[in-house]
């Protein structure tokens, strides 16, 4: 178990921050029931709780979550233009 100001950074610069992270080396799974923050160049995710699979790189945010996405101007669906009456 990792406790107290846990901060993990992966190779692409994504950072995970929490106060507690339980890691099972055998199953390659990680869990937290604490507040979690993930910061990347694409945005941030704040959640209460996390289940992660280090083998697949999958993270499931188990509690209420807030996601903020950053735009670099290259969007798939442009913002709709204001309608004119």
PDB file of N, CA and C in Angstrom:
ATOM      1  N   UNK A   1       0.827  -1.190   0.000  1.00  0.00           N
ATOM      2  CA  UNK A   1       0.000   0.000   0.000  1.00  0.00           C
ATOM      3  C   UNK A   1       0.868   1.247   0.000  1.00  0.00           C
ATOM      4  N   UNK A   2       0.436   2.229  -0.758  1.00  0.00           N
ATOM      5  CA  UNK A   2       1.101   3.530  -0.777  1.00  0.00           C
ATOM      6  C   UNK A   2       0.173   4.514  -0.083  1.00  0.00           C
ATOM      7  N   UNK A   3       0.705   5.305   0.835  1.00  0.00           N
ATOM      8  CA  UNK A   3      -0.133   6.219   1.606  1.00  0.00           C
ATOM      9  C   UNK A   3       0.516   7.582   1.747  1.00  0.00           C
ATOM     10  N   UNK A   4      -0.320   8.628   1.733  1.00  0.00           N
ATOM     11  CA  UNK A   4       0.140   9.986   1.984  1.00  0.00           C
ATOM     12  C   UNK A   4       0.771  10.655   0.785  1.00  0.00           C
ATOM     13  N   UNK A   5       0.063  11.547   0.148  1.00  0.00           N
ATOM     14  CA  UNK A   5       0.576  12.308  -0.997  1.00  0.00           C
ATOM     15  C   UNK A   5       1.203  11.413  -2.065  1.00  0.00           C
ATOM     16  N   UNK A   6       0.458  10.394  -2.493  1.00  0.00           N
ATOM     17  CA  UNK A   6       0.922   9.482  -3.538  1.00  0.00           C
ATOM     18  C   UNK A   6       0.852  10.207  -4.876  1.00  0.00           C
ATOM     19  N   UNK A   7       1.927  10.152  -5.641  1.00  0.00           N
ATOM     20  CA  UNK A   7       1.977  10.769  -6.965  1.00  0.00           C
ATOM     21  C   UNK A   7       2.732   9.828  -7.890  1.00  0.00           C
ATOM     22  N   UNK A   8       2.065   9.413  -8.975  1.00  0.00           N
ATOM     23  CA  UNK A   8       2.665   8.488  -9.934  1.00  0.00           C
ATOM     24  C   UNK A   8       2.586   9.123 -11.310  1.00  0.00           C
ATOM     25  N   UNK A   9       3.708   9.116 -12.030  1.00  0.00           N
ATOM     26  CA  UNK A   9       3.758   9.681 -13.381  1.00  0.00           C
ATOM     27  C   UNK A   9       4.122   8.581 -14.362  1.00  0.00           C
ATOM     28  N   UNK A  10       3.368   8.492 -15.477  1.00  0.00           N
ATOM     29  CA  UNK A  10       3.725   7.493 -16.482  1.00  0.00           C
ATOM     30  C   UNK A  10       4.550   8.131 -17.593  1.00  0.00           C
ATOM     31  N   UNK A  11       4.920   7.345 -18.579  1.00  0.00           N
ATOM     32  CA  UNK A  11       5.868   7.785 -19.604  1.00  0.00           C
ATOM     33  C   UNK A  11       5.344   8.917 -20.489  1.00  0.00           C
ATOM     34  N   UNK A  12       4.016   9.089 -20.598  1.00  0.00           N
ATOM     35  CA  UNK A  12       3.491  10.185 -21.431  1.00  0.00           C
ATOM     36  C   UNK A  12       3.242  11.463 -20.629  1.00  0.00           C
ATOM     37  N   UNK A  13       3.639  11.458 -19.360  1.00  0.00           N
ATOM     38  CA  UNK A  13       3.504  12.650 -18.537  1.00  0.00           C
ATOM     39  C   UNK A  13       2.216  12.733 -17.741  1.00  0.00           C
ATOM     40  N   UNK A  14       1.333  11.751 -17.880  1.00  0.00           N
ATOM     41  CA  UNK A  14       0.103  11.727 -17.097  1.00  0.00           C
ATOM     42  C   UNK A  14       0.448  11.461 -15.637  1.00  0.00           C
ATOM     43  N   UNK A  15      -0.153  12.241 -14.739  1.00  0.00           N
ATOM     44  CA  UNK A  15       0.140  12.134 -13.310  1.00  0.00           C
ATOM     45  C   UNK A  15      -1.128  11.755 -12.556  1.00  0.00           C
ATOM     46  N   UNK A  16      -1.021  10.748 -11.690  1.00  0.00           N
ATOM     47  CA  UNK A  16      -2.098  10.342 -10.804  1.00  0.00           C
ATOM     48  C   UNK A  16      -1.728  10.767  -9.393  1.00  0.00           C
ATOM     49  N   UNK A  17      -2.677  11.441  -8.704  1.00  0.00           N
ATOM     50  CA  UNK A  17      -2.440  11.891  -7.332  1.00  0.00           C
ATOM     51  C   UNK A  17      -3.566  11.389  -6.441  1.00  0.00           C
ATOM     52  N   UNK A  18      -3.217  10.876  -5.267  1.00  0.00           N
ATOM     53  CA  UNK A  18      -4.194  10.427  -4.284  1.00  0.00           C
ATOM     54  C   UNK A  18      -3.513  10.324  -2.930  1.00  0.00           C
ATOM     55  N   UNK A  19      -4.285  10.084  -1.892  1.00  0.00           N
ATOM     56  CA  UNK A  19      -3.719   9.914  -0.556  1.00  0.00           C
ATOM     57  C   UNK A  19      -3.450   8.452  -0.233  1.00  0.00           C
ATOM     58  N   UNK A  20      -4.053   7.538  -0.999  1.00  0.00           N
ATOM     59  CA  UNK A  20      -3.835   6.112  -0.753  1.00  0.00           C
ATOM     60  C   UNK A  20      -4.025   5.342  -2.050  1.00  0.00           C
ATOM     61  N   UNK A  21      -3.147   4.396  -2.303  1.00  0.00           N
ATOM     62  CA  UNK A  21      -3.264   3.525  -3.469  1.00  0.00           C
ATOM     63  C   UNK A  21      -2.849   2.125  -3.048  1.00  0.00           C
ATOM     64  N   UNK A  22      -3.766   1.186  -3.205  1.00  0.00           N
ATOM     65  CA  UNK A  22      -3.466  -0.217  -2.914  1.00  0.00           C
ATOM     66  C   UNK A  22      -3.100  -0.887  -4.232  1.00  0.00           C
ATOM     67  N   UNK A  23      -1.967  -1.546  -4.255  1.00  0.00           N
ATOM     68  CA  UNK A  23      -1.460  -2.161  -5.482  1.00  0.00           C
ATOM     69  C   UNK A  23      -1.258  -3.650  -5.240  1.00  0.00           C
ATOM     70  N   UNK A  24      -1.813  -4.481  -6.140  1.00  0.00           N
ATOM     71  CA  UNK A  24      -1.603  -5.926  -6.102  1.00  0.00           C
ATOM     72  C   UNK A  24      -0.663  -6.267  -7.252  1.00  0.00           C
ATOM     73  N   UNK A  25       0.585  -6.528  -6.920  1.00  0.00           N
ATOM     74  CA  UNK A  25       1.608  -6.793  -7.937  1.00  0.00           C
ATOM     75  C   UNK A  25       1.281  -8.050  -8.742  1.00  0.00           C
ATOM     76  N   UNK A  26       0.715  -9.072  -8.097  1.00  0.00           N
ATOM     77  CA  UNK A  26       0.416 -10.335  -8.774  1.00  0.00           C
ATOM     78  C   UNK A  26      -0.636 -10.142  -9.861  1.00  0.00           C
ATOM     79  N   UNK A  27      -1.731  -9.455  -9.529  1.00  0.00           N
ATOM     80  CA  UNK A  27      -2.815  -9.276 -10.507  1.00  0.00           C
ATOM     81  C   UNK A  27      -2.645  -8.027 -11.362  1.00  0.00           C
ATOM     82  N   UNK A  28      -1.652  -7.185 -11.015  1.00  0.00           N
ATOM     83  CA  UNK A  28      -1.407  -5.934 -11.731  1.00  0.00           C
ATOM     84  C   UNK A  28      -2.599  -4.977 -11.638  1.00  0.00           C
ATOM     85  N   UNK A  29      -3.286  -4.990 -10.477  1.00  0.00           N
ATOM     86  CA  UNK A  29      -4.441  -4.122 -10.246  1.00  0.00           C
ATOM     87  C   UNK A  29      -4.097  -3.091  -9.176  1.00  0.00           C
ATOM     88  N   UNK A  30      -4.730  -1.924  -9.274  1.00  0.00           N
ATOM     89  CA  UNK A  30      -4.553  -0.864  -8.287  1.00  0.00           C
ATOM     90  C   UNK A  30      -5.930  -0.329  -7.905  1.00  0.00           C
ATOM     91  N   UNK A  31      -6.073   0.035  -6.634  1.00  0.00           N
ATOM     92  CA  UNK A  31      -7.359   0.489  -6.111  1.00  0.00           C
ATOM     93  C   UNK A  31      -7.161   1.670  -5.183  1.00  0.00           C
ATOM     94  N   UNK A  32      -8.145   2.560  -5.163  1.00  0.00           N
ATOM     95  CA  UNK A  32      -8.180   3.626  -4.168  1.00  0.00           C
ATOM     96  C   UNK A  32      -9.633   3.982  -3.899  1.00  0.00           C
ATOM     97  N   UNK A  33      -9.953   4.188  -2.630  1.00  0.00           N
ATOM     98  CA  UNK A  33     -11.268   4.666  -2.244  1.00  0.00           C
ATOM     99  C   UNK A  33     -11.221   6.136  -1.868  1.00  0.00           C
ATOM    100  N   UNK A  34     -10.058   6.734  -2.016  1.00  0.00           N
ATOM    101  CA  UNK A  34      -9.839   8.138  -1.668  1.00  0.00           C
ATOM    102  C   UNK A  34     -10.049   9.032  -2.896  1.00  0.00           C
ATOM    103  N   UNK A  35     -10.024  10.337  -2.667  1.00  0.00           N
ATOM    104  CA  UNK A  35     -10.075  11.274  -3.792  1.00  0.00           C
ATOM    105  C   UNK A  35      -8.869  11.042  -4.691  1.00  0.00           C
ATOM    106  N   UNK A  36      -9.110  11.065  -5.988  1.00  0.00           N
ATOM    107  CA  UNK A  36      -8.079  10.804  -6.991  1.00  0.00           C
ATOM    108  C   UNK A  36      -8.095  11.952  -7.995  1.00  0.00           C
ATOM    109  N   UNK A  37      -6.922  12.373  -8.427  1.00  0.00           N
ATOM    110  CA  UNK A  37      -6.810  13.382  -9.490  1.00  0.00           C
ATOM    111  C   UNK A  37      -5.842  12.840 -10.533  1.00  0.00           C
ATOM    112  N   UNK A  38      -6.262  12.901 -11.792  1.00  0.00           N
ATOM    113  CA  UNK A  38      -5.401  12.523 -12.910  1.00  0.00           C
ATOM    114  C   UNK A  38      -5.222  13.766 -13.769  1.00  0.00           C
ATOM    115  N   UNK A  39      -3.976  14.131 -14.012  1.00  0.00           N
ATOM    116  CA  UNK A  39      -3.648  15.308 -14.817  1.00  0.00           C
ATOM    117  C   UNK A  39      -2.879  14.857 -16.047  1.00  0.00           C
ATOM    118  N   UNK A  40      -3.309  15.336 -17.208  1.00  0.00           N
ATOM    119  CA  UNK A  40      -2.590  15.038 -18.449  1.00  0.00           C
ATOM    120  C   UNK A  40      -2.639  16.268 -19.338  1.00  0.00           C
ATOM    121  N   UNK A  41      -1.951  16.203 -20.466  1.00  0.00           N
ATOM    122  CA  UNK A  41      -1.973  17.331 -21.397  1.00  0.00           C
ATOM    123  C   UNK A  41      -3.359  17.502 -22.018  1.00  0.00           C
ATOM    124  N   UNK A  42      -4.208  16.463 -21.934  1.00  0.00           N
ATOM    125  CA  UNK A  42      -5.558  16.524 -22.494  1.00  0.00           C
ATOM    126  C   UNK A  42      -6.589  17.075 -21.527  1.00  0.00           C
ATOM    127  N   UNK A  43      -6.276  17.066 -20.214  1.00  0.00           N
ATOM    128  CA  UNK A  43      -7.239  17.553 -19.239  1.00  0.00           C
ATOM    129  C   UNK A  43      -7.012  16.950 -17.872  1.00  0.00           C
ATOM    130  N   UNK A  44      -8.038  17.071 -17.015  1.00  0.00           N
ATOM    131  CA  UNK A  44      -7.958  16.533 -15.660  1.00  0.00           C
ATOM    132  C   UNK A  44      -9.219  15.746 -15.336  1.00  0.00           C
ATOM    133  N   UNK A  45      -9.065  14.783 -14.435  1.00  0.00           N
ATOM    134  CA  UNK A  45     -10.192  14.025 -13.899  1.00  0.00           C
ATOM    135  C   UNK A  45     -10.052  14.041 -12.388  1.00  0.00           C
ATOM    136  N   UNK A  46     -11.113  14.456 -11.706  1.00  0.00           N
ATOM    137  CA  UNK A  46     -11.185  14.387 -10.249  1.00  0.00           C
ATOM    138  C   UNK A  46     -12.293  13.413  -9.903  1.00  0.00           C
ATOM    139  N   UNK A  47     -11.990  12.424  -9.050  1.00  0.00           N
ATOM    140  CA  UNK A  47     -12.956  11.392  -8.719  1.00  0.00           C
ATOM    141  C   UNK A  47     -12.763  10.928  -7.286  1.00  0.00           C
ATOM    142  N   UNK A  48     -13.785  10.285  -6.769  1.00  0.00           N
ATOM    143  CA  UNK A  48     -13.670   9.598  -5.491  1.00  0.00           C
ATOM    144  C   UNK A  48     -13.600   8.116  -5.806  1.00  0.00           C
ATOM    145  N   UNK A  49     -12.406   7.559  -5.788  1.00  0.00           N
ATOM    146  CA  UNK A  49     -12.224   6.136  -6.035  1.00  0.00           C
ATOM    147  C   UNK A  49     -11.732   5.817  -7.431  1.00  0.00           C
ATOM    148  N   UNK A  50     -10.949   4.742  -7.481  1.00  0.00           N
ATOM    149  CA  UNK A  50     -10.319   4.325  -8.735  1.00  0.00           C
ATOM    150  C   UNK A  50     -10.048   2.835  -8.691  1.00  0.00           C
ATOM    151  N   UNK A  51     -10.263   2.167  -9.817  1.00  0.00           N
ATOM    152  CA  UNK A  51      -9.803   0.797 -10.032  1.00  0.00           C
ATOM    153  C   UNK A  51      -8.972   0.831 -11.301  1.00  0.00           C
ATOM    154  N   UNK A  52      -7.744   0.370 -11.220  1.00  0.00           N
ATOM    155  CA  UNK A  52      -6.864   0.410 -12.381  1.00  0.00           C
ATOM    156  C   UNK A  52      -6.296  -0.949 -12.708  1.00  0.00           C
ATOM    157  N   UNK A  53      -6.075  -1.190 -13.980  1.00  0.00           N
ATOM    158  CA  UNK A  53      -5.440  -2.410 -14.461  1.00  0.00           C
ATOM    159  C   UNK A  53      -4.147  -1.999 -15.142  1.00  0.00           C
ATOM    160  N   UNK A  54      -3.025  -2.281 -14.493  1.00  0.00           N
ATOM    161  CA  UNK A  54      -1.730  -1.867 -15.030  1.00  0.00           C
ATOM    162  C   UNK A  54      -1.354  -2.647 -16.286  1.00  0.00           C
ATOM    163  N   UNK A  55      -1.917  -3.831 -16.467  1.00  0.00           N
ATOM    164  CA  UNK A  55      -1.642  -4.621 -17.654  1.00  0.00           C
ATOM    165  C   UNK A  55      -2.241  -4.020 -18.907  1.00  0.00           C
ATOM    166  N   UNK A  56      -3.460  -3.493 -18.784  1.00  0.00           N
ATOM    167  CA  UNK A  56      -4.147  -2.926 -19.947  1.00  0.00           C
ATOM    168  C   UNK A  56      -4.084  -1.402 -19.979  1.00  0.00           C
ATOM    169  N   UNK A  57      -3.705  -0.792 -18.850  1.00  0.00           N
ATOM    170  CA  UNK A  57      -3.678   0.665 -18.773  1.00  0.00           C
ATOM    171  C   UNK A  57      -5.054   1.275 -18.575  1.00  0.00           C
ATOM    172  N   UNK A  58      -6.029   0.449 -18.200  1.00  0.00           N
ATOM    173  CA  UNK A  58      -7.399   0.900 -18.009  1.00  0.00           C
ATOM    174  C   UNK A  58      -7.603   1.447 -16.603  1.00  0.00           C
ATOM    175  N   UNK A  59      -8.306   2.581 -16.498  1.00  0.00           N
ATOM    176  CA  UNK A  59      -8.691   3.133 -15.203  1.00  0.00           C
ATOM    177  C   UNK A  59     -10.201   3.322 -15.186  1.00  0.00           C
ATOM    178  N   UNK A  60     -10.835   2.847 -14.118  1.00  0.00           N
ATOM    179  CA  UNK A  60     -12.266   3.045 -13.918  1.00  0.00           C
ATOM    180  C   UNK A  60     -12.422   3.922 -12.689  1.00  0.00           C
ATOM    181  N   UNK A  61     -13.084   5.057 -12.849  1.00  0.00           N
ATOM    182  CA  UNK A  61     -13.319   5.971 -11.748  1.00  0.00           C
ATOM    183  C   UNK A  61     -14.636   5.568 -11.109  1.00  0.00           C
ATOM    184  N   UNK A  62     -14.583   5.149  -9.831  1.00  0.00           N
ATOM    185  CA  UNK A  62     -15.715   4.482  -9.193  1.00  0.00           C
ATOM    186  C   UNK A  62     -16.684   5.411  -8.486  1.00  0.00           C
ATOM    187  N   UNK A  63     -16.292   6.623  -8.210  1.00  0.00           N
ATOM    188  CA  UNK A  63     -17.178   7.542  -7.498  1.00  0.00           C
ATOM    189  C   UNK A  63     -17.589   8.681  -8.395  1.00  0.00           C
ATOM    190  N   UNK A  64     -18.255   9.654  -7.816  1.00  0.00           N
ATOM    191  CA  UNK A  64     -18.571  10.835  -8.616  1.00  0.00           C
ATOM    192  C   UNK A  64     -17.288  11.400  -9.223  1.00  0.00           C
ATOM    193  N   UNK A  65     -17.378  11.846 -10.464  1.00  0.00           N
ATOM    194  CA  UNK A  65     -16.180  12.339 -11.153  1.00  0.00           C
ATOM    195  C   UNK A  65     -16.480  13.639 -11.887  1.00  0.00           C
ATOM    196  N   UNK A  66     -15.453  14.451 -12.003  1.00  0.00           N
ATOM    197  CA  UNK A  66     -15.517  15.692 -12.780  1.00  0.00           C
ATOM    198  C   UNK A  66     -14.384  15.638 -13.793  1.00  0.00           C
ATOM    199  N   UNK A  67     -14.722  15.860 -15.053  1.00  0.00           N
ATOM    200  CA  UNK A  67     -13.739  15.801 -16.134  1.00  0.00           C
ATOM    201  C   UNK A  67     -13.646  17.174 -16.784  1.00  0.00           C
ATOM    202  N   UNK A  68     -12.429  17.650 -16.970  1.00  0.00           N
ATOM    203  CA  UNK A  68     -12.184  18.888 -17.705  1.00  0.00           C
ATOM    204  C   UNK A  68     -11.255  18.538 -18.860  1.00  0.00           C
ATOM    205  N   UNK A  69     -11.702  18.805 -20.091  1.00  0.00           N
ATOM    206  CA  UNK A  69     -10.891  18.531 -21.277  1.00  0.00           C
ATOM    207  C   UNK A  69     -10.352  19.834 -21.835  1.00  0.00           C
ATOM    208  N   UNK A  70      -9.084  19.828 -22.197  1.00  0.00           N
ATOM    209  CA  UNK A  70      -8.446  20.995 -22.792  1.00  0.00           C
ATOM    210  C   UNK A  70      -8.523  20.877 -24.302  1.00  0.00           C
ATOM    211  N   UNK A  71      -8.724  21.997 -24.977  1.00  0.00           N
ATOM    212  CA  UNK A  71      -8.777  22.011 -26.429  1.00  0.00           C
ATOM    213  C   UNK A  71      -7.537  22.695 -26.979  1.00  0.00           C
ATOM    214  N   UNK A  72      -6.996  22.108 -28.033  1.00  0.00           N
ATOM    215  CA  UNK A  72      -5.867  22.750 -28.711  1.00  0.00           C
ATOM    216  C   UNK A  72      -6.329  23.417 -30.001  1.00  0.00           C
ATOM    217  N   UNK A  73      -7.657  23.501 -30.176  1.00  0.00           N
ATOM    218  CA  UNK A  73      -8.205  24.107 -31.382  1.00  0.00           C
ATOM    219  C   UNK A  73      -8.558  23.092 -32.445  1.00  0.00           C
ATOM    220  N   UNK A  74      -8.091  21.870 -32.311  1.00  0.00           N
ATOM    221  CA  UNK A  74      -8.409  20.810 -33.263  1.00  0.00           C
ATOM    222  C   UNK A  74      -9.492  19.934 -32.651  1.00  0.00           C
ATOM    223  N   UNK A  75     -10.744  20.275 -32.920  1.00  0.00           N
ATOM    224  CA  UNK A  75     -11.850  19.532 -32.339  1.00  0.00           C
ATOM    225  C   UNK A  75     -12.567  18.737 -33.414  1.00  0.00           C
ATOM    226  N   UNK A  76     -13.131  17.601 -33.017  1.00  0.00           N
ATOM    227  CA  UNK A  76     -13.870  16.781 -33.969  1.00  0.00           C
ATOM    228  C   UNK A  76     -15.224  17.401 -34.293  1.00  0.00           C
ATOM    229  N   UNK A  77     -15.881  17.958 -33.288  1.00  0.00           N
ATOM    230  CA  UNK A  77     -17.182  18.599 -33.472  1.00  0.00           C
ATOM    231  C   UNK A  77     -17.062  20.045 -33.035  1.00  0.00           C
ATOM    232  N   UNK A  78     -17.002  20.971 -33.980  1.00  0.00           N
ATOM    233  CA  UNK A  78     -16.844  22.373 -33.604  1.00  0.00           C
ATOM    234  C   UNK A  78     -18.005  22.856 -32.745  1.00  0.00           C
ATOM    235  N   UNK A  79     -17.735  23.861 -31.941  1.00  0.00           N
ATOM    236  CA  UNK A  79     -18.775  24.464 -31.119  1.00  0.00           C
ATOM    237  C   UNK A  79     -19.841  25.053 -32.030  1.00  0.00           C
ATOM    238  N   UNK A  80     -21.124  24.761 -31.745  1.00  0.00           N
ATOM    239  CA  UNK A  80     -22.177  25.317 -32.606  1.00  0.00           C
ATOM    240  C   UNK A  80     -22.168  26.841 -32.559  1.00  0.00           C
ATOM    241  N   UNK A  81     -22.458  27.446 -33.710  1.00  0.00           N
ATOM    242  CA  UNK A  81     -22.522  28.904 -33.782  1.00  0.00           C
ATOM    243  C   UNK A  81     -23.825  29.376 -33.156  1.00  0.00           C
ATOM    244  N   UNK A  82     -23.782  30.553 -32.564  1.00  0.00           N
ATOM    245  CA  UNK A  82     -24.985  31.120 -31.955  1.00  0.00           C
ATOM    246  C   UNK A  82     -26.043  31.324 -33.028  1.00  0.00           C
ATOM    247  N   UNK A  83     -27.267  30.970 -32.694  1.00  0.00           N
ATOM    248  CA  UNK A  83     -28.346  31.148 -33.673  1.00  0.00           C
ATOM    249  C   UNK A  83     -28.761  32.614 -33.729  1.00  0.00           C
ATOM    250  N   UNK A  84     -29.163  33.027 -34.911  1.00  0.00           N
ATOM    251  CA  UNK A  84     -29.611  34.403 -35.122  1.00  0.00           C
ATOM    252  C   UNK A  84     -31.129  34.395 -35.212  1.00  0.00           C
ATOM    253  N   UNK A  85     -31.810  35.233 -34.407  1.00  0.00           N
ATOM    254  CA  UNK A  85     -33.297  35.225 -34.452  1.00  0.00           C
ATOM    255  C   UNK A  85     -33.845  35.749 -35.751  1.00  0.00           C
TER     256      UNK A  85
END
